[in-house]
Amino acid sequence: MPPAPKRRTYPPHAEYSTAALERALVENLDADTDTIIKILWQFYHLTPEGHPLRITRLEDIALQYAERCITTHATLDDITKCIELSQQILDIMPEDHPDRGFRLHALATAHQERYDRLGALADLQAYIERGQDALDKIPNDY
């Protein structure tokens, strides 16, 4: 009988960072979005490559940029950063990941926001394509 495969372990800070992140966000509830984004980036950089939470960290950062786009008059830099992060998430996310449809929708929405601001046809095309991709990935019984 072959030996059991070794379980991959990660540094302790990667395992404890979720609780620390939640505490930091609660303590900074009244902080501006920039502070929250800085905290999220710190935890992203503390999470080792290949750790299951690494993609979640990027999603948290992209969500903050998306929230800023929805709730305030975000700058074009904010919208562009949201698009870049959303694409980066999709690039590392497996094709069969259950959240892929939702990430595609987030990317489509960011392109729509930028199209509304700039009127660039490339953003309109990306909005339509990513939106269709999202619909194709989201289960019919959702």
C-alpha atoms as a PDB file:
ATOM      1  CA  MET A   1       0.000   0.000   0.000  1.00  0.00           C
ATOM      2  CA  PRO A   2       1.528   3.365  -1.017  1.00  0.00           C
ATOM      3  CA  PRO A   3       2.062   5.966   1.685  1.00  0.00           C
ATOM      4  CA  ALA A   4      -0.601   8.614   2.092  1.00  0.00           C
ATOM      5  CA  PRO A   5       0.229  11.840   0.273  1.00  0.00           C
ATOM      6  CA  LYS A   6       1.658  14.576   2.437  1.00  0.00           C
ATOM      7  CA  ARG A   7      -0.832  17.248   3.311  1.00  0.00           C
ATOM      8  CA  ARG A   8       0.325  20.656   2.201  1.00  0.00           C
ATOM      9  CA  THR A   9       0.758  23.054   5.064  1.00  0.00           C
ATOM     10  CA  TYR A  10       0.913  26.811   5.035  1.00  0.00           C
ATOM     11  CA  PRO A  11       2.485  29.322   7.376  1.00  0.00           C
ATOM     12  CA  PRO A  12       0.290  30.064  10.412  1.00  0.00           C
ATOM     13  CA  HIS A  13      -0.297  33.667   9.375  1.00  0.00           C
ATOM     14  CA  ALA A  14      -2.206  32.439   6.319  1.00  0.00           C
ATOM     15  CA  GLU A  15      -4.551  30.407   8.496  1.00  0.00           C
ATOM     16  CA  TYR A  16      -5.148  33.161  11.046  1.00  0.00           C
ATOM     17  CA  SER A  17      -5.438  36.042   8.627  1.00  0.00           C
ATOM     18  CA  THR A  18      -9.161  35.560   7.995  1.00  0.00           C
ATOM     19  CA  ALA A  19     -10.061  36.268  11.617  1.00  0.00           C
ATOM     20  CA  ALA A  20      -7.590  39.137  11.767  1.00  0.00           C
ATOM     21  CA  LEU A  21      -9.005  40.562   8.550  1.00  0.00           C
ATOM     22  CA  GLU A  22     -12.549  40.443   9.864  1.00  0.00           C
ATOM     23  CA  ARG A  23     -11.477  42.170  13.065  1.00  0.00           C
ATOM     24  CA  ALA A  24      -9.580  44.842  11.125  1.00  0.00           C
ATOM     25  CA  LEU A  25     -12.553  45.525   8.898  1.00  0.00           C
ATOM     26  CA  VAL A  26     -14.927  45.773  11.860  1.00  0.00           C
ATOM     27  CA  GLU A  27     -12.562  48.100  13.713  1.00  0.00           C
ATOM     28  CA  ASN A  28     -12.257  50.240  10.580  1.00  0.00           C
ATOM     29  CA  LEU A  29     -15.952  50.237   9.771  1.00  0.00           C
ATOM     30  CA  ASP A  30     -15.957  54.012   9.634  1.00  0.00           C
ATOM     31  CA  ALA A  31     -12.679  54.166   7.737  1.00  0.00           C
ATOM     32  CA  ASP A  32     -12.592  55.239   4.158  1.00  0.00           C
ATOM     33  CA  THR A  33     -12.469  52.646   1.423  1.00  0.00           C
ATOM     34  CA  ASP A  34      -8.787  53.354   0.757  1.00  0.00           C
ATOM     35  CA  THR A  35      -7.888  52.165   4.261  1.00  0.00           C
ATOM     36  CA  ILE A  36      -9.947  49.012   3.867  1.00  0.00           C
ATOM     37  CA  ILE A  37      -8.354  48.297   0.483  1.00  0.00           C
ATOM     38  CA  LYS A  38      -4.876  48.737   2.003  1.00  0.00           C
ATOM     39  CA  ILE A  39      -5.745  46.255   4.761  1.00  0.00           C
ATOM     40  CA  LEU A  40      -7.062  43.770   2.210  1.00  0.00           C
ATOM     41  CA  TRP A  41      -3.882  44.089   0.118  1.00  0.00           C
ATOM     42  CA  GLN A  42      -1.784  43.414   3.223  1.00  0.00           C
ATOM     43  CA  PHE A  43      -3.630  40.165   3.854  1.00  0.00           C
ATOM     44  CA  TYR A  44      -3.408  39.205   0.193  1.00  0.00           C
ATOM     45  CA  HIS A  45       0.375  39.575   0.292  1.00  0.00           C
ATOM     46  CA  LEU A  46       0.546  37.550   3.522  1.00  0.00           C
ATOM     47  CA  THR A  47      -1.329  34.666   1.900  1.00  0.00           C
ATOM     48  CA  PRO A  48       1.084  32.255   0.167  1.00  0.00           C
ATOM     49  CA  GLU A  49       0.815  31.365  -3.516  1.00  0.00           C
ATOM     50  CA  GLY A  50      -1.415  28.329  -3.932  1.00  0.00           C
ATOM     51  CA  HIS A  51      -3.274  28.866  -0.654  1.00  0.00           C
ATOM     52  CA  PRO A  52      -7.043  28.412  -1.095  1.00  0.00           C
ATOM     53  CA  LEU A  53      -7.717  31.843   0.430  1.00  0.00           C
ATOM     54  CA  ARG A  54      -5.519  33.717  -2.041  1.00  0.00           C
ATOM     55  CA  ILE A  55      -8.242  33.985  -4.666  1.00  0.00           C
ATOM     56  CA  THR A  56     -10.698  35.018  -1.947  1.00  0.00           C
ATOM     57  CA  ARG A  57      -8.361  37.847  -0.956  1.00  0.00           C
ATOM     58  CA  LEU A  58      -8.362  39.157  -4.527  1.00  0.00           C
ATOM     59  CA  GLU A  59     -12.144  38.845  -4.652  1.00  0.00           C
ATOM     60  CA  ASP A  60     -12.421  40.911  -1.466  1.00  0.00           C
ATOM     61  CA  ILE A  61     -10.269  43.659  -2.982  1.00  0.00           C
ATOM     62  CA  ALA A  62     -12.181  43.633  -6.272  1.00  0.00           C
ATOM     63  CA  LEU A  63     -15.439  43.809  -4.310  1.00  0.00           C
ATOM     64  CA  GLN A  64     -14.269  46.955  -2.515  1.00  0.00           C
ATOM     65  CA  TYR A  65     -13.479  48.605  -5.842  1.00  0.00           C
ATOM     66  CA  ALA A  66     -16.840  47.466  -7.219  1.00  0.00           C
ATOM     67  CA  GLU A  67     -18.649  48.797  -4.132  1.00  0.00           C
ATOM     68  CA  ARG A  68     -16.914  52.119  -4.584  1.00  0.00           C
ATOM     69  CA  CYS A  69     -18.064  52.170  -8.216  1.00  0.00           C
ATOM     70  CA  ILE A  70     -21.661  51.536  -7.188  1.00  0.00           C
ATOM     71  CA  THR A  71     -21.962  53.676  -4.065  1.00  0.00           C
ATOM     72  CA  THR A  72     -19.818  56.702  -4.933  1.00  0.00           C
ATOM     73  CA  HIS A  73     -18.591  58.531  -7.948  1.00  0.00           C
ATOM     74  CA  ALA A  74     -15.603  56.305  -8.491  1.00  0.00           C
ATOM     75  CA  THR A  75     -12.717  57.444 -10.591  1.00  0.00           C
ATOM     76  CA  LEU A  76     -11.898  55.759 -13.864  1.00  0.00           C
ATOM     77  CA  ASP A  77      -8.837  54.360 -12.091  1.00  0.00           C
ATOM     78  CA  ASP A  78     -11.158  52.590  -9.611  1.00  0.00           C
ATOM     79  CA  ILE A  79     -13.213  51.079 -12.411  1.00  0.00           C
ATOM     80  CA  THR A  80     -10.096  50.034 -14.315  1.00  0.00           C
ATOM     81  CA  LYS A  81      -8.620  48.456 -11.163  1.00  0.00           C
ATOM     82  CA  CYS A  82     -11.873  46.542 -10.633  1.00  0.00           C
ATOM     83  CA  ILE A  83     -11.681  45.259 -14.232  1.00  0.00           C
ATOM     84  CA  GLU A  84      -8.020  44.266 -13.860  1.00  0.00           C
ATOM     85  CA  LEU A  85      -8.594  42.429 -10.577  1.00  0.00           C
ATOM     86  CA  SER A  86     -11.712  40.691 -11.861  1.00  0.00           C
ATOM     87  CA  GLN A  87      -9.801  39.487 -14.923  1.00  0.00           C
ATOM     88  CA  GLN A  88      -6.868  38.374 -12.761  1.00  0.00           C
ATOM     89  CA  ILE A  89      -9.264  36.355 -10.595  1.00  0.00           C
ATOM     90  CA  LEU A  90     -10.766  34.695 -13.663  1.00  0.00           C
ATOM     91  CA  ASP A  91      -7.292  33.926 -15.022  1.00  0.00           C
ATOM     92  CA  ILE A  92      -6.410  31.874 -11.932  1.00  0.00           C
ATOM     93  CA  MET A  93      -9.887  30.488 -11.230  1.00  0.00           C
ATOM     94  CA  PRO A  94     -10.563  26.993 -12.599  1.00  0.00           C
ATOM     95  CA  GLU A  95     -13.092  26.883 -15.447  1.00  0.00           C
ATOM     96  CA  ASP A  96     -15.383  24.655 -13.389  1.00  0.00           C
ATOM     97  CA  HIS A  97     -15.236  26.792 -10.217  1.00  0.00           C
ATOM     98  CA  PRO A  98     -18.773  27.263  -8.840  1.00  0.00           C
ATOM     99  CA  ASP A  99     -18.284  31.044  -8.486  1.00  0.00           C
ATOM    100  CA  ARG A 100     -16.985  31.607 -12.006  1.00  0.00           C
ATOM    101  CA  GLY A 101     -20.344  32.837 -13.306  1.00  0.00           C
ATOM    102  CA  PHE A 102     -20.585  35.416 -10.553  1.00  0.00           C
ATOM    103  CA  ARG A 103     -17.029  36.651 -11.213  1.00  0.00           C
ATOM    104  CA  LEU A 104     -17.848  36.957 -14.923  1.00  0.00           C
ATOM    105  CA  HIS A 105     -20.919  38.992 -13.989  1.00  0.00           C
ATOM    106  CA  ALA A 106     -18.788  41.299 -11.819  1.00  0.00           C
ATOM    107  CA  LEU A 107     -16.372  41.807 -14.713  1.00  0.00           C
ATOM    108  CA  ALA A 108     -19.243  42.516 -17.109  1.00  0.00           C
ATOM    109  CA  THR A 109     -20.715  45.062 -14.698  1.00  0.00           C
ATOM    110  CA  ALA A 110     -17.384  46.873 -14.378  1.00  0.00           C
ATOM    111  CA  HIS A 111     -17.091  47.068 -18.172  1.00  0.00           C
ATOM    112  CA  GLN A 112     -20.636  48.444 -18.308  1.00  0.00           C
ATOM    113  CA  GLU A 113     -19.734  51.123 -15.767  1.00  0.00           C
ATOM    114  CA  ARG A 114     -16.683  52.146 -17.780  1.00  0.00           C
ATOM    115  CA  TYR A 115     -18.712  52.124 -21.007  1.00  0.00           C
ATOM    116  CA  ASP A 116     -21.272  54.418 -19.376  1.00  0.00           C
ATOM    117  CA  ARG A 117     -18.465  56.840 -18.512  1.00  0.00           C
ATOM    118  CA  LEU A 118     -16.340  56.694 -21.663  1.00  0.00           C
ATOM    119  CA  GLY A 119     -18.592  55.298 -24.366  1.00  0.00           C
ATOM    120  CA  ALA A 120     -15.801  53.011 -25.627  1.00  0.00           C
ATOM    121  CA  LEU A 121     -17.187  50.274 -27.846  1.00  0.00           C
ATOM    122  CA  ALA A 122     -14.562  47.818 -26.560  1.00  0.00           C
ATOM    123  CA  ASP A 123     -16.132  48.068 -23.094  1.00  0.00           C
ATOM    124  CA  LEU A 124     -19.626  47.573 -24.519  1.00  0.00           C
ATOM    125  CA  GLN A 125     -18.406  44.480 -26.387  1.00  0.00           C
ATOM    126  CA  ALA A 126     -16.665  43.140 -23.259  1.00  0.00           C
ATOM    127  CA  TYR A 127     -19.824  43.810 -21.225  1.00  0.00           C
ATOM    128  CA  ILE A 128     -21.941  41.805 -23.682  1.00  0.00           C
ATOM    129  CA  GLU A 129     -19.442  38.934 -23.986  1.00  0.00           C
ATOM    130  CA  ARG A 130     -18.705  38.578 -20.262  1.00  0.00           C
ATOM    131  CA  GLY A 131     -22.406  38.916 -19.472  1.00  0.00           C
ATOM    132  CA  GLN A 132     -23.208  36.071 -21.863  1.00  0.00           C
ATOM    133  CA  ASP A 133     -20.338  34.010 -20.438  1.00  0.00           C
ATOM    134  CA  ALA A 134     -21.773  34.606 -16.959  1.00  0.00           C
ATOM    135  CA  LEU A 135     -25.235  33.477 -18.016  1.00  0.00           C
ATOM    136  CA  ASP A 136     -23.726  30.338 -19.538  1.00  0.00           C
ATOM    137  CA  LYS A 137     -21.929  29.497 -16.253  1.00  0.00           C
ATOM    138  CA  ILE A 138     -24.693  30.216 -13.742  1.00  0.00           C
ATOM    139  CA  PRO A 139     -26.800  27.098 -13.080  1.00  0.00           C
ATOM    140  CA  ASN A 140     -30.348  27.194 -14.420  1.00  0.00           C
ATOM    141  CA  ASP A 141     -31.762  26.317 -11.008  1.00  0.00           C
ATOM    142  CA  TYR A 142     -30.035  29.212  -9.249  1.00  0.00           C
END
